[in-house]
């Protein structure tokens, strides 16, 4: 789920690199055939159906996802 506001691949990589100690190696190149120009979420349905609204920044969301990895299996298998 997202905010409904678009994020470019470059913005996502920059946000990731701001969170981790070892940055991603990236290469700028032309789009591949079939790549979409962009994508975004339509978060208003989450508000309607679940009462959910995003409250984390992109960097906070990445940090939270990375923090979840080492505890995921233990938490899910109880």
N, C-alpha and C. Protein backbone atom coordinates (compact mmCIF):
# COMPACT_ATOMS: atom_id res chain seq x y z
N UNK A 1 0.85 -1.16 0.00
CA UNK A 1 0.00 0.00 0.00
C UNK A 1 0.90 1.22 0.00
N UNK A 2 0.48 2.22 -0.69
CA UNK A 2 1.29 3.43 -0.76
C UNK A 2 0.50 4.65 -0.35
N UNK A 3 1.02 5.80 -0.73
CA UNK A 3 0.41 7.07 -0.34
C UNK A 3 -0.50 7.63 -1.42
N UNK A 4 -0.45 7.05 -2.61
CA UNK A 4 -1.19 7.62 -3.73
C UNK A 4 -0.36 8.65 -4.48
N UNK A 5 0.84 8.91 -4.00
CA UNK A 5 1.76 9.84 -4.63
C UNK A 5 2.89 9.02 -5.25
N UNK A 6 3.19 9.26 -6.49
CA UNK A 6 4.16 8.44 -7.21
C UNK A 6 5.58 8.58 -6.69
N UNK A 7 6.36 7.54 -6.88
CA UNK A 7 7.79 7.52 -6.53
C UNK A 7 8.54 6.94 -7.72
N UNK A 8 9.56 7.64 -8.17
CA UNK A 8 10.35 7.11 -9.27
C UNK A 8 11.31 6.06 -8.75
N UNK A 9 11.84 5.27 -9.66
CA UNK A 9 12.84 4.26 -9.29
C UNK A 9 14.05 4.95 -8.66
N UNK A 10 14.45 6.06 -9.22
CA UNK A 10 15.60 6.80 -8.67
C UNK A 10 15.30 7.28 -7.25
N UNK A 11 14.10 7.81 -7.01
CA UNK A 11 13.71 8.25 -5.66
C UNK A 11 13.70 7.07 -4.68
N UNK A 12 13.22 5.92 -5.13
CA UNK A 12 13.19 4.74 -4.28
C UNK A 12 14.61 4.28 -3.94
N UNK A 13 15.49 4.25 -4.92
CA UNK A 13 16.89 3.88 -4.67
C UNK A 13 17.56 4.87 -3.73
N UNK A 14 17.32 6.15 -3.92
CA UNK A 14 17.90 7.17 -3.04
C UNK A 14 17.40 6.99 -1.61
N UNK A 15 16.10 6.74 -1.44
CA UNK A 15 15.53 6.53 -0.11
C UNK A 15 16.15 5.30 0.54
N UNK A 16 16.28 4.22 -0.22
CA UNK A 16 16.90 2.98 0.29
C UNK A 16 18.34 3.26 0.72
N UNK A 17 19.07 3.98 -0.11
CA UNK A 17 20.46 4.27 0.20
C UNK A 17 20.61 5.17 1.43
N UNK A 18 19.61 5.98 1.72
CA UNK A 18 19.64 6.81 2.92
C UNK A 18 19.43 5.99 4.19
N UNK A 19 18.89 4.78 4.05
CA UNK A 19 18.57 3.93 5.20
C UNK A 19 19.67 2.91 5.49
N UNK A 20 20.27 2.37 4.45
CA UNK A 20 21.23 1.26 4.62
C UNK A 20 22.66 1.78 4.70
N UNK A 21 23.54 0.96 5.26
CA UNK A 21 24.94 1.36 5.37
C UNK A 21 25.72 1.09 4.08
N UNK A 22 25.30 0.10 3.32
CA UNK A 22 25.95 -0.20 2.04
C UNK A 22 24.98 0.15 0.92
N UNK A 23 25.26 1.22 0.18
CA UNK A 23 24.30 1.65 -0.85
C UNK A 23 24.19 0.67 -2.02
N UNK A 24 23.04 0.74 -2.66
CA UNK A 24 22.82 -0.05 -3.88
C UNK A 24 23.69 0.49 -5.00
N UNK A 25 24.22 -0.41 -5.78
CA UNK A 25 24.92 0.00 -7.01
C UNK A 25 23.85 0.11 -8.09
N UNK A 26 23.75 1.25 -8.72
CA UNK A 26 22.73 1.45 -9.75
C UNK A 26 23.39 1.91 -11.05
N UNK A 27 22.70 1.63 -12.14
CA UNK A 27 23.15 2.05 -13.46
C UNK A 27 21.96 2.71 -14.15
N UNK A 28 22.12 3.95 -14.58
CA UNK A 28 21.08 4.62 -15.34
C UNK A 28 21.10 4.10 -16.77
N UNK A 29 19.93 3.80 -17.27
CA UNK A 29 19.82 3.27 -18.63
C UNK A 29 18.45 3.63 -19.19
N UNK A 30 18.26 3.35 -20.44
CA UNK A 30 16.98 3.62 -21.09
C UNK A 30 15.94 2.62 -20.62
N UNK A 31 14.65 2.99 -20.70
CA UNK A 31 13.59 2.04 -20.34
C UNK A 31 13.63 0.81 -21.22
N UNK A 32 13.20 -0.30 -20.65
CA UNK A 32 13.09 -1.54 -21.41
C UNK A 32 11.77 -1.54 -22.18
N UNK A 33 11.69 -2.26 -23.28
CA UNK A 33 10.41 -2.37 -23.99
C UNK A 33 9.34 -2.93 -23.04
N UNK A 34 8.21 -2.28 -23.00
CA UNK A 34 7.11 -2.75 -22.16
C UNK A 34 7.09 -2.13 -20.78
N UNK A 35 8.14 -1.41 -20.36
CA UNK A 35 8.12 -0.74 -19.07
C UNK A 35 7.01 0.31 -19.04
N UNK A 36 6.34 0.40 -17.92
CA UNK A 36 5.30 1.43 -17.79
C UNK A 36 5.96 2.75 -17.45
N UNK A 37 5.28 3.83 -17.78
CA UNK A 37 5.83 5.16 -17.50
C UNK A 37 5.81 5.46 -16.01
N UNK A 38 4.88 4.86 -15.29
CA UNK A 38 4.80 5.10 -13.85
C UNK A 38 3.69 4.28 -13.25
N UNK A 39 3.65 4.26 -11.95
CA UNK A 39 2.60 3.54 -11.24
C UNK A 39 2.35 4.20 -9.90
N UNK A 40 1.15 4.05 -9.41
CA UNK A 40 0.81 4.62 -8.11
C UNK A 40 -0.33 3.81 -7.51
N UNK A 41 -0.52 4.00 -6.22
CA UNK A 41 -1.62 3.31 -5.55
C UNK A 41 -2.83 4.23 -5.46
N UNK A 42 -3.98 3.64 -5.35
CA UNK A 42 -5.20 4.40 -5.15
C UNK A 42 -5.64 4.13 -3.70
N UNK A 43 -5.07 4.89 -2.80
CA UNK A 43 -5.20 4.62 -1.37
C UNK A 43 -6.54 5.00 -0.78
N UNK A 44 -7.39 5.69 -1.54
CA UNK A 44 -8.67 6.10 -0.97
C UNK A 44 -9.55 4.91 -0.60
N UNK A 45 -9.39 3.78 -1.27
CA UNK A 45 -10.16 2.58 -0.92
C UNK A 45 -9.75 2.04 0.44
N UNK A 46 -8.47 2.13 0.77
CA UNK A 46 -8.01 1.68 2.08
C UNK A 46 -8.62 2.55 3.18
N UNK A 47 -8.75 3.84 2.91
CA UNK A 47 -9.40 4.74 3.88
C UNK A 47 -10.87 4.36 4.02
N UNK A 48 -11.54 4.18 2.88
CA UNK A 48 -12.97 3.83 2.88
C UNK A 48 -13.26 2.52 3.61
N UNK A 49 -12.54 1.48 3.23
CA UNK A 49 -12.85 0.14 3.73
C UNK A 49 -12.21 -0.20 5.06
N UNK A 50 -11.02 0.33 5.31
CA UNK A 50 -10.26 -0.07 6.49
C UNK A 50 -10.00 1.05 7.49
N UNK A 51 -10.27 2.27 7.07
CA UNK A 51 -9.93 3.41 7.91
C UNK A 51 -8.43 3.61 8.02
N UNK A 52 -7.68 3.11 7.03
CA UNK A 52 -6.22 3.15 7.04
C UNK A 52 -5.70 4.29 6.20
N UNK A 53 -4.76 5.03 6.75
CA UNK A 53 -4.04 6.05 5.98
C UNK A 53 -2.55 5.88 6.24
N UNK A 54 -1.72 6.15 5.24
CA UNK A 54 -0.28 6.00 5.43
C UNK A 54 0.24 7.06 6.41
N UNK A 55 1.19 6.66 7.26
CA UNK A 55 1.76 7.63 8.20
C UNK A 55 3.29 7.62 8.19
N UNK A 56 3.88 6.68 7.47
CA UNK A 56 5.34 6.61 7.40
C UNK A 56 5.85 7.25 6.11
N UNK A 57 7.04 7.83 6.20
CA UNK A 57 7.71 8.30 5.00
C UNK A 57 8.22 7.09 4.23
N UNK A 58 8.67 7.31 3.02
CA UNK A 58 9.23 6.23 2.22
C UNK A 58 10.43 5.61 2.95
N UNK A 59 11.31 6.45 3.49
CA UNK A 59 12.47 5.94 4.21
C UNK A 59 12.06 5.17 5.46
N UNK A 60 11.06 5.65 6.19
CA UNK A 60 10.59 4.93 7.37
C UNK A 60 9.98 3.58 6.99
N UNK A 61 9.27 3.53 5.87
CA UNK A 61 8.70 2.27 5.40
C UNK A 61 9.77 1.27 5.02
N UNK A 62 10.82 1.73 4.37
CA UNK A 62 11.94 0.85 4.01
C UNK A 62 12.62 0.35 5.28
N UNK A 63 12.87 1.24 6.22
CA UNK A 63 13.50 0.87 7.49
C UNK A 63 12.65 -0.17 8.22
N UNK A 64 11.35 0.02 8.26
CA UNK A 64 10.45 -0.91 8.93
C UNK A 64 10.47 -2.27 8.25
N UNK A 65 10.46 -2.29 6.92
CA UNK A 65 10.51 -3.55 6.18
C UNK A 65 11.82 -4.29 6.44
N UNK A 66 12.93 -3.57 6.49
CA UNK A 66 14.22 -4.20 6.75
C UNK A 66 14.32 -4.70 8.19
N UNK A 67 13.72 -3.98 9.13
CA UNK A 67 13.71 -4.42 10.54
C UNK A 67 12.88 -5.69 10.72
N UNK A 68 11.90 -5.89 9.87
CA UNK A 68 11.00 -7.04 9.95
C UNK A 68 11.70 -8.33 9.52
N UNK A 69 12.63 -8.25 8.60
CA UNK A 69 13.26 -9.45 8.02
C UNK A 69 13.85 -10.39 9.08
N UNK A 70 14.66 -9.90 10.03
CA UNK A 70 15.28 -10.85 10.97
C UNK A 70 14.30 -11.47 11.98
N UNK A 71 13.12 -10.90 12.17
CA UNK A 71 12.19 -11.44 13.16
C UNK A 71 10.97 -12.11 12.51
N UNK A 72 10.84 -11.97 11.21
CA UNK A 72 9.66 -12.43 10.48
C UNK A 72 9.32 -13.89 10.74
N UNK A 73 10.26 -14.79 10.51
CA UNK A 73 9.97 -16.22 10.63
C UNK A 73 9.55 -16.60 12.04
N UNK A 74 10.24 -16.07 13.05
CA UNK A 74 9.90 -16.37 14.43
C UNK A 74 8.49 -15.85 14.78
N UNK A 75 8.18 -14.66 14.33
CA UNK A 75 6.87 -14.07 14.63
C UNK A 75 5.74 -14.82 13.93
N UNK A 76 5.97 -15.30 12.73
CA UNK A 76 4.93 -15.95 11.96
C UNK A 76 4.71 -17.41 12.35
N UNK A 77 5.75 -18.04 12.91
CA UNK A 77 5.60 -19.44 13.31
C UNK A 77 5.32 -19.58 14.80
N UNK A 78 5.37 -18.46 15.54
CA UNK A 78 4.98 -18.38 16.92
C UNK A 78 5.67 -19.25 17.85
